[in-house]
Amino acid sequence: MCRLTDISRVTVISTAEAALKKLKNANVGVYNCKKDGARFIFSIKDKDVKKVFAIFSKPCYNISVTGSRRKNLLSRAVTRAGLIAGAAAFVCIAAISNAFIFRIEVSGSGSYLSADVKRIIYEQGFSEFKAYRGFDAPAAQGKILALPSVTFCNIEKHGSVLKIDVQVDEELNDTARRANLVADRGGVVKKIVAVCGTAAVAENTTVKSGDTLIYAYTLVGEERAECIAVGYAEIECRGSYEYTAPAESDAALKAAYSKANLYADGIINRTHTVSNTEDGVVYNIEFTYLQKLSINME
C-alpha cells in the first residue's frame, strides 16, 4: 500500500533567520525557503501545520497557508520476489553510499556567491566527505538568505551531492558595494561583525582613519575568493570642545554637556574641567562615543 505525505506551503511575516530558528527549536522540518519582501515562504509536512500556527500565533506574524501538494513517497510495489530481493540489496548499498556528501554544488542566479555559500556551510560544521545527517540545513538556509540580494535558497541532497539553489534580485545586486569596509575616523574597535568577507581587525584593536575593517574576500580552505563585504563595526572614539558661560552653575554645566550631541551620536560618557576667564568661565568637555559603520547592510 502506497503512503502519501501532504506538503503545505506557508507564508509568514518574519525575517528568515528568526522564523527558521523558531522552527528548528520546535523540530519542524522546512523545505523550499524563499524571501519575498517582508514575507518568508516555506513548505512543511501537513502534520506540522498546527504546530507551525502555534509557533507564529502572535498577530504580527500574519501566518497563512497558501497551498498544498501531495508527494508520492513510495514507487509502485514490485511483484516479483527476485526483483524485490535485488531492489532491497541495491537500496542497502545506496543508503550506505548516500549517507555521505562528496560534492557541494551552488547553482542559480546567485551562483557567483558560491564562495560565501560554501563558507556558511563550513561554518555550520559541515563539509564534503561528511555524513549528511549531521547537517543543520535550516540554519544554513537562514544565513544564506541573509546574504546581499538573495531572495531564495533551497538546499537538497541528491545522492552524494548537496545541491544549493540560490536566487538573487538582480536590481538589488546592482546596488551592492563591491569594496572593503574602511574606518572613517580613529578609535578602538569595540565590535566587528563580518557577515560576508573577512574581518581585518579584532575587537579592542586601535585603528586610524582609512584602515580596513572588513575585506571583500573570504577564505575557502586555503584559497582566497573575492566576494561582497557585508557587515558592520562599532568604534569607540574621543572628542572635545569648549563651552563658555557667564558663571559656573548647574544649568551651565547641563547646557555644556548637551552640546556634545551636536558633535556625535551614541555618546558613552562626558567629563569636564572649568577655567575662569575675564568674561566668565569656560567648560572644557571631553567625551567618548560609538561610531557605527556598515557596508551592504541596507
Protein backbone atom coordinates (compact mmCIF):
# COMPACT_ATOMS: atom_id res chain seq x y z
CA MET A 1 0.00 0.00 0.00
CA CYS A 2 1.41 3.43 -1.01
CA ARG A 3 1.79 6.02 1.69
CA LEU A 4 1.28 9.72 0.81
CA THR A 5 2.54 12.73 2.72
CA ASP A 6 0.89 16.17 2.48
CA ILE A 7 3.21 19.11 1.89
CA SER A 8 1.81 22.57 2.73
CA ARG A 9 3.12 25.97 1.60
CA VAL A 10 3.19 28.55 4.43
CA THR A 11 3.64 32.33 4.36
CA VAL A 12 4.59 34.33 7.47
CA ILE A 13 5.59 37.95 8.05
CA SER A 14 9.03 37.46 9.61
CA THR A 15 12.75 37.50 8.85
CA ALA A 16 14.08 34.24 7.50
CA GLU A 17 16.60 33.73 10.31
CA ALA A 18 14.05 34.39 13.08
CA ALA A 19 11.48 32.05 11.52
CA LEU A 20 13.97 29.25 10.86
CA LYS A 21 15.28 29.48 14.42
CA LYS A 22 11.76 29.07 15.84
CA LEU A 23 11.03 26.15 13.50
CA LYS A 24 14.31 24.45 14.35
CA ASN A 25 13.67 24.77 18.10
CA ALA A 26 10.28 23.13 17.54
CA ASN A 27 11.84 20.31 15.45
CA VAL A 28 9.82 21.25 12.35
CA GLY A 29 11.45 20.39 9.03
CA VAL A 30 11.21 23.03 6.29
CA TYR A 31 11.69 22.90 2.52
CA ASN A 32 11.98 25.32 -0.41
CA CYS A 33 12.52 28.52 1.61
CA LYS A 34 12.02 31.87 -0.13
CA LYS A 35 12.08 35.58 0.83
CA ASP A 36 9.51 37.92 -0.72
CA GLY A 37 9.84 41.38 0.80
CA ALA A 38 8.75 41.16 4.43
CA ARG A 39 7.30 37.69 3.85
CA PHE A 40 9.09 34.40 4.42
CA ILE A 41 7.63 31.46 2.46
CA PHE A 42 8.42 27.82 3.11
CA SER A 43 6.99 24.29 2.88
CA ILE A 44 6.28 21.86 5.74
CA LYS A 45 4.73 18.47 6.21
CA ASP A 46 0.97 18.68 6.65
CA LYS A 47 1.19 17.06 10.07
CA ASP A 48 3.18 20.07 11.31
CA VAL A 49 0.66 22.74 10.23
CA LYS A 50 -1.00 23.05 13.66
CA LYS A 51 2.38 23.24 15.37
CA VAL A 52 3.55 25.99 12.99
CA PHE A 53 0.39 28.03 13.58
CA ALA A 54 1.06 27.74 17.33
CA ILE A 55 4.65 28.90 16.86
CA PHE A 56 3.55 32.00 14.95
CA SER A 57 0.35 32.64 16.91
CA LYS A 58 1.02 36.33 17.55
CA PRO A 59 -0.94 38.65 15.20
CA CYS A 60 2.24 40.38 13.98
CA TYR A 61 3.33 37.22 12.13
CA ASN A 62 0.20 37.16 9.93
CA ILE A 63 0.65 33.49 9.05
CA SER A 64 -1.29 31.76 6.28
CA VAL A 65 -1.26 28.54 4.26
CA THR A 66 -1.05 29.43 0.58
CA GLY A 67 -1.36 25.97 -0.93
CA SER A 68 -0.55 22.28 -0.64
CA ARG A 69 0.53 19.43 -2.82
CA ARG A 70 0.97 15.71 -2.35
CA LYS A 71 4.16 13.77 -2.77
CA ASN A 72 4.28 10.08 -3.55
CA LEU A 73 6.99 8.72 -1.24
CA LEU A 74 6.98 5.16 -2.48
CA SER A 75 7.22 3.76 -6.01
CA ARG A 76 4.87 1.05 -7.24
CA ALA A 77 5.20 -2.28 -5.46
CA VAL A 78 7.49 -4.78 -7.11
CA THR A 79 5.74 -8.08 -7.58
CA ARG A 80 8.47 -10.50 -8.42
CA ALA A 81 10.39 -11.93 -5.48
CA GLY A 82 13.69 -11.80 -7.34
CA LEU A 83 13.25 -8.12 -8.15
CA ILE A 84 12.32 -7.34 -4.55
CA ALA A 85 15.45 -9.03 -3.25
CA GLY A 86 17.62 -7.25 -5.82
CA ALA A 87 15.99 -3.89 -5.07
CA ALA A 88 16.49 -4.39 -1.33
CA ALA A 89 20.18 -5.11 -1.83
CA PHE A 90 20.53 -2.06 -4.07
CA VAL A 91 18.76 0.16 -1.53
CA CYS A 92 21.09 -1.01 1.24
CA ILE A 93 24.18 -0.26 -0.84
CA ALA A 94 22.80 3.09 -1.98
CA ALA A 95 21.83 4.04 1.58
CA ILE A 96 25.36 3.47 2.80
CA SER A 97 26.80 5.40 -0.15
CA ASN A 98 24.28 8.23 0.03
CA ALA A 99 24.78 8.76 3.74
CA PHE A 100 27.82 10.89 2.84
CA ILE A 101 28.19 14.08 0.79
CA PHE A 102 31.11 14.10 -1.62
CA ARG A 103 30.39 17.29 -3.54
CA ILE A 104 28.70 20.65 -2.89
CA GLU A 105 27.19 22.44 -5.88
CA VAL A 106 25.87 26.04 -5.89
CA SER A 107 23.59 26.97 -8.78
CA GLY A 108 21.09 29.65 -9.76
CA SER A 109 21.43 33.36 -10.43
CA GLY A 110 23.30 33.65 -7.13
CA SER A 111 25.99 31.13 -8.08
CA TYR A 112 28.54 33.96 -8.03
CA LEU A 113 28.13 33.83 -4.23
CA SER A 114 29.43 30.25 -4.23
CA ALA A 115 32.41 31.11 -2.02
CA ASP A 116 30.19 32.75 0.61
CA VAL A 117 27.63 29.95 0.46
CA LYS A 118 30.29 27.28 0.98
CA ARG A 119 31.82 29.32 3.79
CA ILE A 120 28.44 29.32 5.54
CA ILE A 121 28.12 25.56 5.03
CA TYR A 122 31.58 25.02 6.51
CA GLU A 123 30.81 27.33 9.45
CA GLN A 124 27.87 25.04 10.27
CA GLY A 125 30.46 22.30 10.82
CA PHE A 126 29.65 20.51 7.57
CA SER A 127 31.81 19.82 4.51
CA GLU A 128 32.48 17.28 1.79
CA PHE A 129 33.05 13.65 2.88
CA LYS A 130 30.85 14.01 5.95
CA ALA A 131 27.60 12.26 6.85
CA TYR A 132 24.57 14.31 5.82
CA ARG A 133 22.59 13.53 8.95
CA GLY A 134 24.74 15.97 10.96
CA PHE A 135 23.96 18.94 8.69
CA ASP A 136 21.73 21.75 10.03
CA ALA A 137 20.13 22.79 6.73
CA PRO A 138 17.58 25.32 8.16
CA ALA A 139 20.32 27.27 9.95
CA ALA A 140 22.41 27.35 6.78
CA GLN A 141 19.41 28.49 4.72
CA GLY A 142 18.77 31.36 7.11
CA LYS A 143 22.37 32.60 6.83
CA ILE A 144 22.40 32.26 3.05
CA LEU A 145 19.15 34.21 2.78
CA ALA A 146 20.86 36.99 4.77
CA LEU A 147 23.45 37.44 2.00
CA PRO A 148 23.10 40.60 -0.16
CA SER A 149 20.34 40.43 -2.79
CA VAL A 150 19.48 36.76 -2.01
CA THR A 151 15.71 36.17 -2.24
CA PHE A 152 15.51 32.37 -2.45
CA CYS A 153 17.52 29.42 -1.20
CA ASN A 154 16.80 25.72 -1.41
CA ILE A 155 19.15 23.02 -0.14
CA GLU A 156 18.59 19.47 -1.32
CA LYS A 157 20.58 16.26 -1.15
CA HIS A 158 20.84 14.40 -4.46
CA GLY A 159 22.62 11.15 -3.80
CA SER A 160 26.09 12.09 -2.61
CA VAL A 161 25.77 15.68 -3.91
CA LEU A 162 24.49 18.61 -1.84
CA LYS A 163 22.79 20.97 -4.29
CA ILE A 164 22.15 24.54 -3.21
CA ASP A 165 19.92 26.69 -5.41
CA VAL A 166 20.48 30.40 -4.71
CA GLN A 167 18.46 33.10 -6.48
CA VAL A 168 19.12 36.83 -6.23
CA ASP A 169 17.30 40.05 -7.10
CA GLU A 170 19.47 41.50 -9.88
CA GLU A 171 18.31 45.06 -9.17
CA LEU A 172 19.40 44.76 -5.54
CA ASN A 173 22.65 43.15 -6.62
CA ASP A 174 23.48 46.18 -8.79
CA THR A 175 23.33 48.42 -5.70
CA ALA A 176 25.73 46.31 -3.62
CA ARG A 177 29.05 48.00 -2.92
CA ARG A 178 31.99 45.87 -4.01
CA ALA A 179 34.56 47.40 -1.68
CA ASN A 180 36.16 46.97 1.74
CA LEU A 181 34.65 48.48 4.87
CA VAL A 182 37.02 51.28 5.89
CA ALA A 183 37.21 53.29 9.12
CA ASP A 184 36.23 56.94 8.66
CA ARG A 185 37.96 58.02 11.90
CA GLY A 186 40.34 56.73 14.53
CA GLY A 187 39.45 54.91 17.73
CA VAL A 188 39.20 51.48 19.36
CA VAL A 189 37.15 48.75 17.67
CA LYS A 190 34.58 47.53 20.20
CA LYS A 191 32.67 45.22 17.84
CA ILE A 192 33.37 43.80 14.39
CA VAL A 193 30.87 41.53 12.57
CA ALA A 194 31.67 40.18 9.09
CA VAL A 195 28.54 38.52 7.65
CA CYS A 196 30.39 38.15 4.35
CA GLY A 197 34.06 38.84 3.73
CA THR A 198 36.88 38.67 6.25
CA ALA A 199 37.38 40.80 9.35
CA ALA A 200 40.63 42.76 9.04
CA VAL A 201 40.88 43.66 12.74
CA ALA A 202 39.95 42.15 16.08
CA GLU A 203 37.94 43.71 18.87
CA ASN A 204 39.85 46.15 21.12
CA THR A 205 42.22 46.99 18.26
CA THR A 206 43.18 50.65 17.80
CA VAL A 207 42.59 51.89 14.25
CA LYS A 208 43.03 55.19 12.43
CA SER A 209 41.03 56.80 9.64
CA GLY A 210 41.44 54.85 6.40
CA ASP A 211 42.22 51.48 7.99
CA THR A 212 40.36 48.49 6.52
CA LEU A 213 37.87 46.86 8.87
CA ILE A 214 36.34 44.14 6.63
CA TYR A 215 37.98 42.80 3.47
CA ALA A 216 35.88 41.95 0.39
CA TYR A 217 37.19 38.40 0.16
CA THR A 218 36.73 35.15 2.01
CA LEU A 219 38.85 32.06 2.53
CA VAL A 220 37.65 28.74 1.12
CA GLY A 221 40.11 26.28 2.58
CA GLU A 222 43.46 27.94 1.92
CA GLU A 223 42.30 29.82 -1.18
CA ARG A 224 41.20 33.46 -1.23
CA ALA A 225 37.93 34.12 -3.11
CA GLU A 226 36.62 37.58 -3.96
CA CYS A 227 33.16 38.36 -2.57
CA ILE A 228 30.95 41.21 -1.39
CA ALA A 229 31.86 42.64 2.00
CA VAL A 230 28.85 42.65 4.32
CA GLY A 231 28.97 43.58 7.98
CA TYR A 232 29.41 46.34 10.49
CA ALA A 233 31.78 47.74 13.09
CA GLU A 234 31.48 49.87 16.21
CA ILE A 235 34.44 52.14 17.01
CA GLU A 236 34.85 53.92 20.33
CA CYS A 237 36.07 57.44 19.54
CA ARG A 238 37.02 60.52 21.57
CA GLY A 239 36.24 64.18 21.07
CA SER A 240 36.43 67.51 22.90
CA TYR A 241 35.07 71.05 22.71
CA GLU A 242 34.70 74.23 24.78
CA TYR A 243 31.59 75.91 26.11
CA THR A 244 31.58 79.42 27.57
CA ALA A 245 29.16 80.69 30.23
CA PRO A 246 28.82 83.89 32.31
CA ALA A 247 29.31 81.92 35.52
CA GLU A 248 29.67 78.36 36.79
CA SER A 249 26.32 76.73 37.61
CA ASP A 250 24.38 73.51 37.28
CA ALA A 251 22.39 74.98 34.39
CA ALA A 252 25.57 75.98 32.57
CA LEU A 253 27.08 72.51 33.04
CA LYS A 254 23.91 70.87 31.73
CA ALA A 255 23.96 73.12 28.67
CA ALA A 256 27.66 72.38 28.13
CA TYR A 257 27.07 68.61 28.29
CA SER A 258 24.06 68.70 25.98
CA LYS A 259 26.16 70.34 23.27
CA ALA A 260 28.02 67.01 22.84
CA ASN A 261 25.02 65.72 20.92
CA LEU A 262 25.84 68.23 18.18
CA TYR A 263 29.21 66.58 17.63
CA ALA A 264 28.27 62.90 17.63
CA ASP A 265 25.56 60.30 18.28
CA GLY A 266 25.96 57.38 20.65
CA ILE A 267 27.61 59.37 23.44
CA ILE A 268 29.02 56.99 26.08
CA ASN A 269 30.31 59.42 28.70
CA ARG A 270 31.38 63.03 29.24
CA THR A 271 33.85 64.68 31.62
CA HIS A 272 34.73 68.34 32.13
CA THR A 273 37.07 70.86 33.66
CA VAL A 274 36.32 74.54 34.28
CA SER A 275 38.63 77.51 33.85
CA ASN A 276 37.95 81.17 34.62
CA THR A 277 38.17 83.94 32.03
CA GLU A 278 37.61 87.69 32.07
CA ASP A 279 34.10 87.18 30.68
CA GLY A 280 33.08 84.23 32.89
CA VAL A 281 34.04 80.56 32.70
CA VAL A 282 34.97 78.02 30.04
CA TYR A 283 33.86 74.41 30.29
CA ASN A 284 36.36 72.05 28.62
CA ILE A 285 34.31 68.97 27.69
CA GLU A 286 35.85 65.64 26.73
CA PHE A 287 33.55 62.84 25.56
CA THR A 288 33.61 59.33 24.13
CA TYR A 289 31.10 57.91 21.67
CA LEU A 290 30.43 54.89 19.47
CA GLN A 291 30.77 55.41 15.73
CA LYS A 292 28.83 52.73 13.82
CA LEU A 293 29.89 51.82 10.29
CA SER A 294 28.35 49.24 7.96
CA ILE A 295 28.56 48.04 4.37
CA ASN A 296 25.83 46.39 2.28
CA MET A 297 23.56 46.07 5.33
CA GLU A 298 20.68 48.13 3.91
